[in-house]
Amino acid sequence: MAINYYGHFLLTHLLLPLLRAAGTPEMRSRVVNVSSCVNKIGEIDYSDVNRSKNYYPADAYNQSKLAQVLFAKHINLQFEMDEVPVQAHSLHPGVVNTDLFEHSSTNYVPWVRQLLFKNPEEGARTVVYAAIAPQLEGKGGTYLSNCRVMTCHRHWKNSVQCEKLFRFTCDTLGIKDFYGTGSSEL
């Protein structure tokens, strides 16, 4: 969770004053979380969030990618309620031929990756789209894949689950005022 989620969360928190200042009602600043389609099979284990009791890399990865999606959805709802000129998106860039698969079974048949996976430029398209596409202006909280709005994990539409993760993360990282409003509310 540290690299794939907590780092994103903390960076967003630290950049929020600049994102607020840069956004306008006509052109909001954007937070873009690069997640993965595996968020759909992820589960947040609050009793062992670091999976120290039973570590399985795929489960840890799936959990962190779900966390990114729920985080983007939650902060976007808060930005809308507070009329903050920032919007948040999460996305699946596609299966990209990177060194993430270096030690996978696809190495035994290297042409499979070249044939079936996206190259890094193709993988970046949805990231760039989420960051700058005028079509997404005012439509934050979306989950994207192949530059299209897609469905997500069942908890994605559940604001209680999104808030539960948000509060858990703030507590874990010792963040008292995520939005920098000076209030005691996270």
Protein backbone atom coordinates (compact mmCIF):
# COMPACT_ATOMS: atom_id res chain seq x y z
CA MET A 1 0.00 0.00 0.00
CA ALA A 2 2.91 2.37 0.69
CA ILE A 3 4.04 2.96 -2.89
CA ASN A 4 0.88 2.26 -4.87
CA TYR A 5 -1.52 4.11 -2.60
CA TYR A 6 -0.19 5.96 0.46
CA GLY A 7 2.36 7.80 -1.68
CA HIS A 8 -0.38 9.01 -4.06
CA PHE A 9 -2.58 10.01 -1.15
CA LEU A 10 0.16 12.00 0.58
CA LEU A 11 1.33 13.67 -2.64
CA THR A 12 -2.24 14.75 -3.40
CA HIS A 13 -2.58 16.15 0.12
CA LEU A 14 0.67 18.11 -0.23
CA LEU A 15 -0.21 19.44 -3.70
CA LEU A 16 -3.78 20.39 -2.82
CA PRO A 17 -3.05 24.07 -2.04
CA LEU A 18 -1.42 24.45 -5.47
CA LEU A 19 -4.21 22.51 -7.20
CA ARG A 20 -6.83 24.77 -5.57
CA ALA A 21 -4.94 27.90 -6.61
CA ALA A 22 -4.51 26.73 -10.21
CA GLY A 23 -8.11 25.62 -10.78
CA THR A 24 -11.00 27.80 -11.85
CA PRO A 25 -14.72 26.98 -12.12
CA GLU A 26 -14.28 26.93 -15.92
CA MET A 27 -11.12 24.80 -15.91
CA ARG A 28 -10.56 22.67 -12.86
CA SER A 29 -7.20 21.29 -11.79
CA ARG A 30 -7.08 17.51 -12.01
CA VAL A 31 -5.87 14.66 -9.86
CA VAL A 32 -5.28 11.50 -11.90
CA ASN A 33 -4.72 8.16 -10.18
CA VAL A 34 -3.32 5.44 -12.43
CA SER A 35 -5.01 2.32 -11.15
CA SER A 36 -5.70 -0.97 -12.92
CA CYS A 37 -8.64 -3.09 -13.98
CA VAL A 38 -7.68 -5.46 -11.14
CA ASN A 39 -9.32 -2.97 -8.76
CA LYS A 40 -12.52 -4.87 -9.56
CA ILE A 41 -11.24 -7.95 -7.72
CA GLY A 42 -9.50 -6.06 -4.93
CA GLU A 43 -10.66 -6.07 -1.33
CA ILE A 44 -9.50 -3.75 1.44
CA ASP A 45 -8.48 -5.78 4.49
CA TYR A 46 -8.61 -3.18 7.25
CA SER A 47 -7.45 -5.69 9.86
CA ASP A 48 -4.22 -6.36 7.93
CA VAL A 49 -3.91 -3.62 5.33
CA ASN A 50 -0.22 -4.37 4.72
CA ARG A 51 -1.00 -8.07 4.37
CA SER A 52 1.71 -8.97 6.85
CA LYS A 53 -0.13 -12.10 8.06
CA ASN A 54 -0.74 -13.58 4.64
CA TYR A 55 1.16 -11.75 1.92
CA TYR A 56 0.33 -12.60 -1.66
CA PRO A 57 1.67 -10.03 -4.16
CA ALA A 58 -1.37 -10.07 -6.46
CA ASP A 59 -3.80 -9.49 -3.57
CA ALA A 60 -1.68 -6.61 -2.26
CA TYR A 61 -1.54 -5.07 -5.74
CA ASN A 62 -5.29 -5.47 -6.30
CA GLN A 63 -6.01 -3.88 -2.91
CA SER A 64 -3.78 -0.88 -3.64
CA LYS A 65 -5.39 -0.33 -7.04
CA LEU A 66 -8.87 -0.47 -5.49
CA ALA A 67 -7.73 2.04 -2.87
CA GLN A 68 -6.66 4.49 -5.60
CA VAL A 69 -10.08 4.28 -7.25
CA LEU A 70 -12.01 4.78 -4.00
CA PHE A 71 -9.73 7.66 -3.01
CA ALA A 72 -10.26 9.52 -6.30
CA LYS A 73 -14.02 9.02 -6.06
CA HIS A 74 -14.14 10.25 -2.45
CA ILE A 75 -12.07 13.40 -2.89
CA ASN A 76 -13.98 14.30 -6.03
CA LEU A 77 -17.27 14.15 -4.12
CA GLN A 78 -15.78 16.41 -1.45
CA PHE A 79 -14.43 18.84 -4.06
CA GLU A 80 -17.91 19.06 -5.60
CA MET A 81 -19.64 19.61 -2.24
CA ASP A 82 -17.16 22.33 -1.25
CA GLU A 83 -17.11 23.86 -4.76
CA VAL A 84 -13.33 23.42 -4.96
CA PRO A 85 -12.08 23.84 -8.57
CA VAL A 86 -10.36 20.44 -8.61
CA GLN A 87 -11.61 17.15 -9.98
CA ALA A 88 -10.24 13.63 -9.58
CA HIS A 89 -10.18 10.65 -11.91
CA SER A 90 -8.83 7.12 -11.76
CA LEU A 91 -8.02 4.92 -14.71
CA HIS A 92 -6.76 1.68 -16.16
CA PRO A 93 -4.02 2.42 -18.73
CA GLY A 94 -4.33 -1.01 -20.28
CA VAL A 95 -1.89 -3.88 -20.03
CA VAL A 96 1.33 -2.12 -20.96
CA ASN A 97 4.52 -3.89 -22.00
CA THR A 98 6.75 -2.68 -19.16
CA ASP A 99 9.18 -4.36 -16.80
CA LEU A 100 6.27 -5.08 -14.44
CA PHE A 101 6.03 -8.35 -16.36
CA GLU A 102 9.79 -9.01 -16.39
CA HIS A 103 9.51 -12.01 -14.07
CA SER A 104 6.19 -13.32 -15.36
CA SER A 105 5.50 -16.32 -17.55
CA THR A 106 5.21 -13.98 -20.55
CA ASN A 107 9.02 -13.87 -20.63
CA TYR A 108 9.07 -17.44 -21.92
CA VAL A 109 7.23 -16.31 -25.04
CA PRO A 110 8.36 -12.67 -25.48
CA TRP A 111 6.45 -12.07 -28.70
CA VAL A 112 3.17 -12.48 -26.77
CA ARG A 113 3.81 -9.23 -24.91
CA GLN A 114 4.63 -7.38 -28.12
CA LEU A 115 1.54 -8.75 -29.82
CA LEU A 116 -1.06 -8.40 -27.06
CA PHE A 117 0.16 -5.63 -24.74
CA LYS A 118 0.13 -1.89 -25.33
CA ASN A 119 3.40 -0.10 -25.82
CA PRO A 120 4.15 2.68 -23.28
CA GLU A 121 2.93 5.43 -25.63
CA GLU A 122 -0.42 3.68 -26.08
CA GLY A 123 -0.61 3.11 -22.32
CA ALA A 124 -0.13 6.83 -21.69
CA ARG A 125 -3.10 7.91 -23.83
CA THR A 126 -5.77 7.45 -21.17
CA VAL A 127 -3.54 9.13 -18.57
CA VAL A 128 -3.12 12.20 -20.78
CA TYR A 129 -6.83 12.14 -21.66
CA ALA A 130 -7.79 12.15 -17.97
CA ALA A 131 -5.41 15.03 -17.31
CA ILE A 132 -6.43 17.40 -20.10
CA ALA A 133 -9.48 16.29 -22.10
CA PRO A 134 -12.06 19.10 -22.33
CA GLN A 135 -14.78 16.41 -22.55
CA LEU A 136 -14.11 15.52 -18.89
CA GLU A 137 -14.39 19.07 -17.58
CA GLY A 138 -16.83 19.03 -14.66
CA LYS A 139 -17.14 15.23 -14.84
CA GLY A 140 -14.77 14.24 -12.06
CA GLY A 141 -15.00 11.04 -10.10
CA THR A 142 -14.91 8.94 -13.23
CA TYR A 143 -13.00 5.72 -13.85
CA LEU A 144 -11.55 5.52 -17.34
CA SER A 145 -10.15 2.85 -19.63
CA ASN A 146 -9.20 3.37 -23.28
CA CYS A 147 -10.24 7.03 -22.96
CA ARG A 148 -13.80 6.05 -22.03
CA VAL A 149 -15.76 6.18 -18.80
CA MET A 150 -16.16 2.64 -17.50
CA THR A 151 -17.68 0.80 -14.55
CA CYS A 152 -15.61 -0.04 -11.54
CA HIS A 153 -15.52 -2.05 -8.30
CA ARG A 154 -18.87 -2.40 -6.53
CA HIS A 155 -17.65 -0.17 -3.65
CA TRP A 156 -16.90 2.66 -6.11
CA LYS A 157 -20.49 3.92 -5.95
CA ASN A 158 -20.66 3.40 -2.19
CA SER A 159 -19.71 6.70 -0.57
CA VAL A 160 -19.60 5.01 2.87
CA GLN A 161 -16.86 2.63 1.69
CA CYS A 162 -14.97 5.48 0.01
CA GLU A 163 -15.11 7.57 3.18
CA LYS A 164 -14.14 4.62 5.39
CA LEU A 165 -10.94 4.14 3.39
CA PHE A 166 -10.26 7.89 3.35
CA ARG A 167 -10.57 8.21 7.14
CA PHE A 168 -8.52 5.04 7.70
CA THR A 169 -5.76 6.44 5.49
CA CYS A 170 -5.76 9.85 7.18
CA ASP A 171 -5.49 8.12 10.56
CA THR A 172 -2.70 5.84 9.32
CA LEU A 173 -0.70 8.75 7.89
CA GLY A 174 -1.48 11.12 10.78
CA ILE A 175 -3.23 13.66 8.56
CA LYS A 176 -5.66 15.77 10.60
CA ASP A 177 -6.82 18.22 7.90
CA PHE A 178 -6.47 16.66 4.45
CA TYR A 179 -8.14 19.51 2.60
CA GLY A 180 -6.22 22.27 4.40
CA THR A 181 -9.35 24.12 5.43
CA GLY A 182 -8.34 24.53 9.06
CA SER A 183 -11.39 22.61 10.23
CA SER A 184 -11.22 19.49 12.35
CA GLU A 185 -12.96 17.61 9.55
CA LEU A 186 -10.60 15.49 7.49
